Amino acid sequence: MILDTRASIIAVAYIVAAVLLIFGLRKLSSPATARNGNLLAAAGVFLALAITLLDRSIVSYWELALGIVIGGGIGIVAARKVQMTAMPQMVGLLNGLGGGTAALVSLSEYLRLSMAATVRGGEAVSVVLGTAIGSVSFTGSIVAFAKLQELLSSKPFQFPLQRAVNALLLVVILTLGATMVVGGDTATTPWIVFAVALALGALLVLPIGGGDMPVVIATLNALTGIAAAFTGLVLHNQILVVAGILVGASGTLLTLLMGKAMNRSLGNVFFGGFGATAAVAVGAPVAVAKTVRQTSAEDTAIALAYARKVVIVPGYGLAVAEGQHAVRELAQELEKRGVDVKFAIHPVAGRMPGHMNVLLAEANIPYDELVEMDQINGDFDSTDVVLVVGANDVVNPAARDDPASPIYGMPILDVDKARNVIVLKRSMGAGFAGIDNALFYRDRTRMLFGDAKKSLTSLVEALKAV
């Protein structure tokens, strides 16, 4: 009777945890509810973890407590100290740790089960997939982290027969995995699968350029969730299966959305074909007149002061300069003058999905001022001034007008249709795609060179003097 009651309590707790995770993910779809969504999801994970530890005696509670203290301490320190510009790197690294954990747990559980009997059927399939997918996610995420952190070059790294080598590694994994499933494996077979999958993960991400990292992060996030679900099947843990499926499904949907936003097909994402095209075309000239028109903070302030409608387009340069608070002050100063101010958010602005939303939310910019690309593109032709702050490829009209451009077809913010465009940028350097930006040479465009934060601060001061 006691065992039945305990089992019922555990089952109910798992259901509650799953519901919290589902509603948490649902709330993450909007910046206005994302904070509460994180809290709900965290509560679900905590409940699932607590019930799992009470349900199973894997190691001693002292060992568990030690791991929680060490891991939790590292996580708290890292989360508090990481800069907003480094948030994509942190997300990539944590995602990789999740994949690596799933792989190691699947592997260790297989070794434990194989001591008692031959592991076949569904459990063996789950072990192989959990180990392989988790390993690919781990090393892929580490390479993505290194590229974002500039420990590795953000340019695509390619070598002869690269796709053939990747295909060979995949065949090795499938062959050895099939051997494990039918029970003909040796003690070293799981370790070989683990090692080969680690190599495959690195080789899949190395040829991808930095401009495609948002798609990479979304894809690896989905893979980590799928690996966790297979690990849950091996452990017979329902909540891990549910959580893994949720992460895998949401990550897959995000991959599709990011691929659409960058004009990349799902096939490009999973077969490592994206990034190469842009790399070949690095430095390719755009067929426009190379005349750049500069402006000053004072002239820009006058244009802003007498505008009725202003749209601000944030990009990674704003994050690097840590200018989110300065841009909020500028927006508030304009609103005092009765100017309608909106922030145009491209789906892949920055280095990961939602990067700009998080950056602006950190500066307490109202959520109703953040407008997605599809909603605001029709308003640019009636906008008096567009202020582009650190964005590059996502406002490049070559993606819309130049069939020869490597980013042709990528949906962009149509800022060039506004009456006036002011671009705040350090230099004329190219963005992640490595190509020139036709916007910079348009008749309606003026360049305000300098650090974004300093330029924004100068604009605020000049605006107050108008």
Foldseek 3Di string as FASTA:
>chain_A
DVVVVLVVVLVVLLVQLLVLLVVLVVQCVALVRNVVSVVSNVVSVVSLVVSVVVVDPPDDVVVVVVVCCVVVVVVVVCVVPDALQLVVLVLLQVLLVLLCVLLVLLLVLCVVVVVVHQDADLSLLLSLLLNLLSLLLNLLSVLLSCCSVVVDPLAFDDDPCLLVLLVVLVVLSVVLSVCSRVRNHDPCSSVSNNVSSNVSSNSLNRRAGQLLLQLSSLQSQLSSLCSQLSSCVNVVRVSSVSSSVVRNVVSVVSNCVSCQLQVHDPVCRVSSVHNPLLNVCFAPADPDDPDFAADALLVVLVLLLPWQEEEEEEASLCSVLLQLLLVLLVVVLSVVSNHHYAYEYRQCGRRHGCSVVVSNVVNVDDSVRYDYQVVCLVPQLVGAEYEYEHDAPQAACCLDVPPPNSSNVNHHRPNLNHQAYEYEEQDQAHPRSNYGGPSRPDPRYHYHHDRRNVSSNSNSVSNVVD
